[in-house]
Amino acid sequence: MSRNVRIVLAMAIYFTGFAASIYIGGWVMLLKPVRSTLSAYALGTLTLPQLVIAIVKCVSSLTVAGLVWCLGYIASNRIYDSRDE
């Protein structure tokens, strides 16, 4: 595989991991639970387990986002590492 193809493929994998970390850590783990908790509170149907799960998701959202980003970074470095040249 040529050098330029490896660079482009590594960049695509990196940006896919970055976008996935924003989606999973930002939307799925942070904003969606907050939104559902606020709507359940407004409707008067908020339960304690729902609140606890939302808090746990919000607290761990940055860790999960960092993990997903790190996996994309590691995968992109497996494709192209500038130290190999």
Protein backbone atom coordinates (compact mmCIF):
# COMPACT_ATOMS: atom_id res chain seq x y z
CA MET A 1 0.00 0.00 0.00
CA SER A 2 1.44 3.38 -0.93
CA ARG A 3 2.24 6.07 1.60
CA ASN A 4 -0.49 8.48 0.45
CA VAL A 5 -3.19 5.81 0.58
CA ARG A 6 -2.14 4.90 4.11
CA ILE A 7 -2.22 8.56 5.16
CA VAL A 8 -5.72 9.10 3.75
CA LEU A 9 -7.01 5.86 5.26
CA ALA A 10 -5.48 6.72 8.66
CA MET A 11 -7.06 10.19 8.56
CA ALA A 12 -10.46 8.72 7.66
CA ILE A 13 -10.27 6.25 10.53
CA TYR A 14 -9.16 8.98 12.95
CA PHE A 15 -11.98 11.36 11.99
CA THR A 16 -14.51 8.51 12.13
CA GLY A 17 -13.36 7.74 15.68
CA PHE A 18 -13.54 11.42 16.57
CA ALA A 19 -17.08 11.76 15.20
CA ALA A 20 -18.16 8.55 16.93
CA SER A 21 -16.77 9.79 20.25
CA ILE A 22 -18.75 13.03 19.94
CA TYR A 23 -21.91 11.11 19.05
CA ILE A 24 -21.60 8.43 21.72
CA GLY A 25 -20.14 10.55 24.51
CA GLY A 26 -22.01 13.75 23.73
CA TRP A 27 -25.41 12.69 22.45
CA VAL A 28 -26.07 9.12 23.67
CA MET A 29 -24.40 9.41 27.07
CA LEU A 30 -24.92 13.10 27.95
CA LEU A 31 -27.60 15.06 26.13
CA LYS A 32 -30.15 12.29 25.53
CA PRO A 33 -30.39 11.23 29.22
CA VAL A 34 -30.61 14.86 30.36
CA ARG A 35 -33.35 15.53 27.81
CA SER A 36 -35.36 12.45 28.78
CA THR A 37 -34.95 13.19 32.50
CA LEU A 38 -36.15 16.75 32.07
CA SER A 39 -39.16 15.66 30.03
CA ALA A 40 -40.02 12.94 32.57
CA TYR A 41 -39.77 15.52 35.36
CA ALA A 42 -42.02 17.91 33.45
CA LEU A 43 -44.59 15.15 32.93
CA GLY A 44 -44.36 14.04 36.55
CA THR A 45 -43.23 10.49 35.68
CA LEU A 46 -39.61 10.68 36.86
CA THR A 47 -38.56 7.67 38.93
CA LEU A 48 -35.49 7.25 41.12
CA PRO A 49 -33.92 4.48 38.99
CA GLN A 50 -34.32 6.64 35.88
CA LEU A 51 -32.62 9.54 37.65
CA VAL A 52 -29.75 7.39 38.92
CA ILE A 53 -29.14 5.87 35.47
CA ALA A 54 -29.11 9.34 33.91
CA ILE A 55 -26.60 10.60 36.49
CA VAL A 56 -24.31 7.61 35.92
CA LYS A 57 -24.48 8.13 32.15
CA CYS A 58 -23.67 11.81 32.47
CA VAL A 59 -20.75 11.22 34.82
CA SER A 60 -19.22 8.52 32.61
CA SER A 61 -19.87 10.25 29.28
CA LEU A 62 -16.43 11.85 29.01
CA THR A 63 -14.69 8.59 29.87
CA VAL A 64 -16.61 6.73 27.17
CA ALA A 65 -15.98 9.51 24.65
CA GLY A 66 -12.27 9.37 25.44
CA LEU A 67 -12.23 5.61 25.06
CA VAL A 68 -13.91 5.74 21.64
CA TRP A 69 -11.58 8.52 20.48
CA CYS A 70 -8.56 6.59 21.75
CA LEU A 71 -9.61 3.46 19.86
CA GLY A 72 -9.88 5.49 16.64
CA TYR A 73 -6.48 7.05 17.30
CA ILE A 74 -4.86 3.68 17.92
CA ALA A 75 -6.44 2.21 14.79
CA SER A 76 -5.23 5.13 12.68
CA ASN A 77 -1.71 4.75 14.05
CA ARG A 78 -1.77 1.06 13.17
CA ILE A 79 -2.45 2.02 9.55
CA TYR A 80 0.11 4.83 9.33
CA ASP A 81 2.80 5.68 11.83
CA SER A 82 5.20 8.44 10.80
CA ARG A 83 7.97 6.91 12.90
CA ASP A 84 8.16 3.95 10.48
CA GLU A 85 9.72 6.10 7.77
